[in-house]
Amino acid sequence: MPITMANVGEEMMIKKIGGNPETRRFLENLGFVVGGFVTIVNDIGGNVILSVKESRVAVSKEMAMKIMV
């Protein structure tokens, strides 16, 4: 399921990063790698703030839909 369907505060393991190669590379550079853990910190109007590798990253709903957990 996409990370946008998880609950706030829930830690999930990343199973797959979707999208075109450029999108996958962008997300991997932010720290979203398969096997890594991510937590939803906040959900604001569909956009989400995620905690990954001890950092907080804000991504759009469209980007978050490509992160499968």
PDB file of N, CA and C in Angstrom:
ATOM      1  N   MET A   1       0.841  -1.187   0.000  1.00  0.00           N
ATOM      2  CA  MET A   1       0.000   0.000   0.000  1.00  0.00           C
ATOM      3  C   MET A   1       0.882   1.244   0.000  1.00  0.00           C
ATOM      4  N   PRO A   2       0.407   2.338  -0.549  1.00  0.00           N
ATOM      5  CA  PRO A   2       1.193   3.578  -0.527  1.00  0.00           C
ATOM      6  C   PRO A   2       1.284   4.137   0.895  1.00  0.00           C
ATOM      7  N   ILE A   3       2.343   4.847   1.187  1.00  0.00           N
ATOM      8  CA  ILE A   3       2.571   5.411   2.515  1.00  0.00           C
ATOM      9  C   ILE A   3       1.441   6.350   2.923  1.00  0.00           C
ATOM     10  N   THR A   4       0.747   6.943   1.963  1.00  0.00           N
ATOM     11  CA  THR A   4      -0.337   7.874   2.292  1.00  0.00           C
ATOM     12  C   THR A   4      -1.500   7.189   3.001  1.00  0.00           C
ATOM     13  N   MET A   5      -1.590   5.868   2.920  1.00  0.00           N
ATOM     14  CA  MET A   5      -2.676   5.139   3.573  1.00  0.00           C
ATOM     15  C   MET A   5      -2.323   4.722   4.998  1.00  0.00           C
ATOM     16  N   ALA A   6      -1.075   4.912   5.418  1.00  0.00           N
ATOM     17  CA  ALA A   6      -0.649   4.564   6.779  1.00  0.00           C
ATOM     18  C   ALA A   6      -1.116   5.660   7.746  1.00  0.00           C
ATOM     19  N   ASN A   7      -1.163   5.315   9.017  1.00  0.00           N
ATOM     20  CA  ASN A   7      -1.580   6.259  10.049  1.00  0.00           C
ATOM     21  C   ASN A   7      -0.403   7.098  10.524  1.00  0.00           C
ATOM     22  N   VAL A   8      -0.712   8.311  10.996  1.00  0.00           N
ATOM     23  CA  VAL A   8       0.314   9.192  11.544  1.00  0.00           C
ATOM     24  C   VAL A   8       0.962   8.519  12.748  1.00  0.00           C
ATOM     25  N   GLY A   9       2.287   8.541  12.802  1.00  0.00           N
ATOM     26  CA  GLY A   9       3.032   7.953  13.909  1.00  0.00           C
ATOM     27  C   GLY A   9       3.381   6.490  13.720  1.00  0.00           C
ATOM     28  N   GLU A  10       2.894   5.885  12.663  1.00  0.00           N
ATOM     29  CA  GLU A  10       3.139   4.465  12.410  1.00  0.00           C
ATOM     30  C   GLU A  10       4.434   4.294  11.617  1.00  0.00           C
ATOM     31  N   GLU A  11       5.354   3.459  12.134  1.00  0.00           N
ATOM     32  CA  GLU A  11       6.606   3.195  11.433  1.00  0.00           C
ATOM     33  C   GLU A  11       6.406   2.016  10.485  1.00  0.00           C
ATOM     34  N   MET A  12       6.785   2.198   9.245  1.00  0.00           N
ATOM     35  CA  MET A  12       6.589   1.178   8.217  1.00  0.00           C
ATOM     36  C   MET A  12       7.903   0.942   7.476  1.00  0.00           C
ATOM     37  N   MET A  13       8.069  -0.289   6.957  1.00  0.00           N
ATOM     38  CA  MET A  13       9.240  -0.595   6.137  1.00  0.00           C
ATOM     39  C   MET A  13       8.885  -0.346   4.676  1.00  0.00           C
ATOM     40  N   ILE A  14       9.794   0.274   3.950  1.00  0.00           N
ATOM     41  CA  ILE A  14       9.589   0.559   2.534  1.00  0.00           C
ATOM     42  C   ILE A  14       9.786  -0.732   1.749  1.00  0.00           C
ATOM     43  N   LYS A  15       8.770  -1.112   0.974  1.00  0.00           N
ATOM     44  CA  LYS A  15       8.812  -2.339   0.175  1.00  0.00           C
ATOM     45  C   LYS A  15       9.218  -2.062  -1.272  1.00  0.00           C
ATOM     46  N   LYS A  16       8.807  -0.888  -1.799  1.00  0.00           N
ATOM     47  CA  LYS A  16       9.057  -0.586  -3.209  1.00  0.00           C
ATOM     48  C   LYS A  16       8.968   0.912  -3.426  1.00  0.00           C
ATOM     49  N   ILE A  17       9.776   1.420  -4.351  1.00  0.00           N
ATOM     50  CA  ILE A  17       9.702   2.807  -4.786  1.00  0.00           C
ATOM     51  C   ILE A  17       9.271   2.783  -6.243  1.00  0.00           C
ATOM     52  N   GLY A  18       8.122   3.377  -6.541  1.00  0.00           N
ATOM     53  CA  GLY A  18       7.583   3.370  -7.893  1.00  0.00           C
ATOM     54  C   GLY A  18       7.961   4.629  -8.654  1.00  0.00           C
ATOM     55  N   GLY A  19       7.418   4.734  -9.845  1.00  0.00           N
ATOM     56  CA  GLY A  19       7.650   5.906 -10.678  1.00  0.00           C
ATOM     57  C   GLY A  19       8.748   5.682 -11.689  1.00  0.00           C
ATOM     58  N   ASN A  20       9.044   6.734 -12.445  1.00  0.00           N
ATOM     59  CA  ASN A  20      10.090   6.637 -13.465  1.00  0.00           C
ATOM     60  C   ASN A  20      11.473   6.658 -12.800  1.00  0.00           C
ATOM     61  N   PRO A  21      12.524   6.313 -13.513  1.00  0.00           N
ATOM     62  CA  PRO A  21      13.869   6.250 -12.907  1.00  0.00           C
ATOM     63  C   PRO A  21      14.303   7.559 -12.239  1.00  0.00           C
ATOM     64  N   GLU A  22      13.929   8.682 -12.825  1.00  0.00           N
ATOM     65  CA  GLU A  22      14.308   9.981 -12.246  1.00  0.00           C
ATOM     66  C   GLU A  22      13.627  10.191 -10.892  1.00  0.00           C
ATOM     67  N   THR A  23      12.357   9.823 -10.782  1.00  0.00           N
ATOM     68  CA  THR A  23      11.619   9.945  -9.520  1.00  0.00           C
ATOM     69  C   THR A  23      12.200   9.020  -8.464  1.00  0.00           C
ATOM     70  N   ARG A  24      12.493   7.781  -8.849  1.00  0.00           N
ATOM     71  CA  ARG A  24      13.073   6.822  -7.905  1.00  0.00           C
ATOM     72  C   ARG A  24      14.425   7.315  -7.391  1.00  0.00           C
ATOM     73  N   ARG A  25      15.246   7.848  -8.277  1.00  0.00           N
ATOM     74  CA  ARG A  25      16.560   8.364  -7.899  1.00  0.00           C
ATOM     75  C   ARG A  25      16.410   9.554  -6.938  1.00  0.00           C
ATOM     76  N   PHE A  26      15.452  10.444  -7.214  1.00  0.00           N
ATOM     77  CA  PHE A  26      15.194  11.595  -6.356  1.00  0.00           C
ATOM     78  C   PHE A  26      14.814  11.143  -4.942  1.00  0.00           C
ATOM     79  N   LEU A  27      13.893  10.180  -4.848  1.00  0.00           N
ATOM     80  CA  LEU A  27      13.453   9.686  -3.542  1.00  0.00           C
ATOM     81  C   LEU A  27      14.578   8.950  -2.819  1.00  0.00           C
ATOM     82  N   GLU A  28      15.384   8.192  -3.556  1.00  0.00           N
ATOM     83  CA  GLU A  28      16.517   7.490  -2.947  1.00  0.00           C
ATOM     84  C   GLU A  28      17.545   8.481  -2.400  1.00  0.00           C
ATOM     85  N   ASN A  29      17.751   9.593  -3.096  1.00  0.00           N
ATOM     86  CA  ASN A  29      18.679  10.621  -2.617  1.00  0.00           C
ATOM     87  C   ASN A  29      18.177  11.280  -1.340  1.00  0.00           C
ATOM     88  N   LEU A  30      16.861  11.283  -1.130  1.00  0.00           N
ATOM     89  CA  LEU A  30      16.283  11.827   0.100  1.00  0.00           C
ATOM     90  C   LEU A  30      16.350  10.823   1.247  1.00  0.00           C
ATOM     91  N   GLY A  31      16.683   9.565   0.936  1.00  0.00           N
ATOM     92  CA  GLY A  31      16.803   8.554   1.975  1.00  0.00           C
ATOM     93  C   GLY A  31      15.749   7.469   1.927  1.00  0.00           C
ATOM     94  N   PHE A  32      14.847   7.531   0.966  1.00  0.00           N
ATOM     95  CA  PHE A  32      13.796   6.522   0.846  1.00  0.00           C
ATOM     96  C   PHE A  32      14.321   5.346   0.027  1.00  0.00           C
ATOM     97  N   VAL A  33      14.817   4.323   0.723  1.00  0.00           N
ATOM     98  CA  VAL A  33      15.368   3.146   0.060  1.00  0.00           C
ATOM     99  C   VAL A  33      14.599   1.903   0.504  1.00  0.00           C
ATOM    100  N   VAL A  34      14.525   0.913  -0.377  1.00  0.00           N
ATOM    101  CA  VAL A  34      13.836  -0.343  -0.072  1.00  0.00           C
ATOM    102  C   VAL A  34      14.506  -0.991   1.135  1.00  0.00           C
ATOM    103  N   GLY A  35      13.701  -1.384   2.093  1.00  0.00           N
ATOM    104  CA  GLY A  35      14.211  -1.986   3.317  1.00  0.00           C
ATOM    105  C   GLY A  35      14.386  -0.983   4.444  1.00  0.00           C
ATOM    106  N   GLY A  36      14.336   0.306   4.126  1.00  0.00           N
ATOM    107  CA  GLY A  36      14.456   1.344   5.152  1.00  0.00           C
ATOM    108  C   GLY A  36      13.121   1.573   5.844  1.00  0.00           C
ATOM    109  N   PHE A  37      13.173   2.246   6.976  1.00  0.00           N
ATOM    110  CA  PHE A  37      11.955   2.528   7.727  1.00  0.00           C
ATOM    111  C   PHE A  37      11.583   3.994   7.602  1.00  0.00           C
ATOM    112  N   VAL A  38      10.279   4.236   7.548  1.00  0.00           N
ATOM    113  CA  VAL A  38       9.751   5.591   7.406  1.00  0.00           C
ATOM    114  C   VAL A  38       8.539   5.738   8.331  1.00  0.00           C
ATOM    115  N   THR A  39       8.387   6.927   8.905  1.00  0.00           N
ATOM    116  CA  THR A  39       7.268   7.221   9.788  1.00  0.00           C
ATOM    117  C   THR A  39       6.574   8.479   9.304  1.00  0.00           C
ATOM    118  N   ILE A  40       5.238   8.469   9.283  1.00  0.00           N
ATOM    119  CA  ILE A  40       4.484   9.670   8.950  1.00  0.00           C
ATOM    120  C   ILE A  40       4.437  10.551  10.190  1.00  0.00           C
ATOM    121  N   VAL A  41       4.972  11.764  10.069  1.00  0.00           N
ATOM    122  CA  VAL A  41       4.964  12.712  11.173  1.00  0.00           C
ATOM    123  C   VAL A  41       3.668  13.524  11.154  1.00  0.00           C
ATOM    124  N   ASN A  42       3.254  13.966   9.969  1.00  0.00           N
ATOM    125  CA  ASN A  42       2.056  14.783   9.840  1.00  0.00           C
ATOM    126  C   ASN A  42       1.509  14.669   8.426  1.00  0.00           C
ATOM    127  N   ASP A  43       0.213  14.877   8.303  1.00  0.00           N
ATOM    128  CA  ASP A  43      -0.479  14.836   7.008  1.00  0.00           C
ATOM    129  C   ASP A  43      -1.253  16.141   6.872  1.00  0.00           C
ATOM    130  N   ILE A  44      -0.821  16.985   5.940  1.00  0.00           N
ATOM    131  CA  ILE A  44      -1.431  18.302   5.777  1.00  0.00           C
ATOM    132  C   ILE A  44      -2.012  18.426   4.381  1.00  0.00           C
ATOM    133  N   GLY A  45      -3.321  18.316   4.267  1.00  0.00           N
ATOM    134  CA  GLY A  45      -3.990  18.474   2.979  1.00  0.00           C
ATOM    135  C   GLY A  45      -3.505  17.505   1.922  1.00  0.00           C
ATOM    136  N   GLY A  46      -3.151  16.294   2.312  1.00  0.00           N
ATOM    137  CA  GLY A  46      -2.668  15.300   1.358  1.00  0.00           C
ATOM    138  C   GLY A  46      -1.159  15.250   1.268  1.00  0.00           C
ATOM    139  N   ASN A  47      -0.488  16.392   1.485  1.00  0.00           N
ATOM    140  CA  ASN A  47       0.970  16.403   1.531  1.00  0.00           C
ATOM    141  C   ASN A  47       1.401  15.838   2.874  1.00  0.00           C
ATOM    142  N   VAL A  48       2.536  15.155   2.909  1.00  0.00           N
ATOM    143  CA  VAL A  48       2.948  14.490   4.139  1.00  0.00           C
ATOM    144  C   VAL A  48       4.354  14.894   4.554  1.00  0.00           C
ATOM    145  N   ILE A  49       4.563  14.895   5.864  1.00  0.00           N
ATOM    146  CA  ILE A  49       5.891  15.076   6.431  1.00  0.00           C
ATOM    147  C   ILE A  49       6.308  13.707   6.945  1.00  0.00           C
ATOM    148  N   LEU A  50       7.430  13.212   6.438  1.00  0.00           N
ATOM    149  CA  LEU A  50       7.906  11.876   6.766  1.00  0.00           C
ATOM    150  C   LEU A  50       9.221  11.950   7.514  1.00  0.00           C
ATOM    151  N   SER A  51       9.412  11.034   8.429  1.00  0.00           N
ATOM    152  CA  SER A  51      10.675  10.902   9.141  1.00  0.00           C
ATOM    153  C   SER A  51      11.405   9.700   8.562  1.00  0.00           C
ATOM    154  N   VAL A  52      12.582   9.947   8.008  1.00  0.00           N
ATOM    155  CA  VAL A  52      13.383   8.886   7.421  1.00  0.00           C
ATOM    156  C   VAL A  52      14.839   9.145   7.763  1.00  0.00           C
ATOM    157  N   LYS A  53      15.521   8.125   8.286  1.00  0.00           N
ATOM    158  CA  LYS A  53      16.939   8.230   8.647  1.00  0.00           C
ATOM    159  C   LYS A  53      17.218   9.458   9.521  1.00  0.00           C
ATOM    160  N   GLU A  54      16.430   9.626  10.570  1.00  0.00           N
ATOM    161  CA  GLU A  54      16.593  10.706  11.547  1.00  0.00           C
ATOM    162  C   GLU A  54      16.456  12.102  10.946  1.00  0.00           C
ATOM    163  N   SER A  55      15.779  12.221   9.807  1.00  0.00           N
ATOM    164  CA  SER A  55      15.502  13.509   9.178  1.00  0.00           C
ATOM    165  C   SER A  55      14.016  13.593   8.874  1.00  0.00           C
ATOM    166  N   ARG A  56      13.524  14.806   8.781  1.00  0.00           N
ATOM    167  CA  ARG A  56      12.133  15.006   8.390  1.00  0.00           C
ATOM    168  C   ARG A  56      12.105  15.591   6.986  1.00  0.00           C
ATOM    169  N   VAL A  57      11.257  14.999   6.141  1.00  0.00           N
ATOM    170  CA  VAL A  57      11.175  15.401   4.747  1.00  0.00           C
ATOM    171  C   VAL A  57       9.708  15.614   4.393  1.00  0.00           C
ATOM    172  N   ALA A  58       9.395  16.743   3.764  1.00  0.00           N
ATOM    173  CA  ALA A  58       8.037  16.999   3.293  1.00  0.00           C
ATOM    174  C   ALA A  58       7.962  16.616   1.817  1.00  0.00           C
ATOM    175  N   VAL A  59       6.970  15.796   1.472  1.00  0.00           N
ATOM    176  CA  VAL A  59       6.776  15.397   0.079  1.00  0.00           C
ATOM    177  C   VAL A  59       5.313  15.605  -0.307  1.00  0.00           C
ATOM    178  N   SER A  60       5.103  15.830  -1.588  1.00  0.00           N
ATOM    179  CA  SER A  60       3.741  16.013  -2.083  1.00  0.00           C
ATOM    180  C   SER A  60       2.994  14.686  -2.064  1.00  0.00           C
ATOM    181  N   LYS A  61       1.697  14.763  -2.186  1.00  0.00           N
ATOM    182  CA  LYS A  61       0.870  13.567  -2.203  1.00  0.00           C
ATOM    183  C   LYS A  61       1.263  12.667  -3.376  1.00  0.00           C
ATOM    184  N   GLU A  62       1.543  13.264  -4.534  1.00  0.00           N
ATOM    185  CA  GLU A  62       1.912  12.503  -5.719  1.00  0.00           C
ATOM    186  C   GLU A  62       3.205  11.715  -5.493  1.00  0.00           C
ATOM    187  N   MET A  63       4.208  12.342  -4.835  1.00  0.00           N
ATOM    188  CA  MET A  63       5.460  11.652  -4.537  1.00  0.00           C
ATOM    189  C   MET A  63       5.225  10.565  -3.501  1.00  0.00           C
ATOM    190  N   ALA A  64       4.446  10.874  -2.482  1.00  0.00           N
ATOM    191  CA  ALA A  64       4.187   9.901  -1.409  1.00  0.00           C
ATOM    192  C   ALA A  64       3.466   8.662  -1.941  1.00  0.00           C
ATOM    193  N   MET A  65       2.650   8.817  -2.962  1.00  0.00           N
ATOM    194  CA  MET A  65       1.925   7.684  -3.542  1.00  0.00           C
ATOM    195  C   MET A  65       2.883   6.692  -4.199  1.00  0.00           C
ATOM    196  N   LYS A  66       4.102   7.085  -4.502  1.00  0.00           N
ATOM    197  CA  LYS A  66       5.077   6.205  -5.141  1.00  0.00           C
ATOM    198  C   LYS A  66       5.882   5.401  -4.124  1.00  0.00           C
ATOM    199  N   ILE A  67       5.726   5.723  -2.829  1.00  0.00           N
ATOM    200  CA  ILE A  67       6.444   4.996  -1.766  1.00  0.00           C
ATOM    201  C   ILE A  67       5.525   3.913  -1.227  1.00  0.00           C
ATOM    202  N   MET A  68       5.836   2.655  -1.539  1.00  0.00           N
ATOM    203  CA  MET A  68       5.018   1.526  -1.106  1.00  0.00           C
ATOM    204  C   MET A  68       5.580   0.905   0.162  1.00  0.00           C
ATOM    205  N   VAL A  69       4.693   0.677   1.123  1.00  0.00           N
ATOM    206  CA  VAL A  69       5.101   0.069   2.393  1.00  0.00           C
ATOM    207  C   VAL A  69       4.366  -1.224   2.630  1.00  0.00           C
TER     208      VAL A  69
END
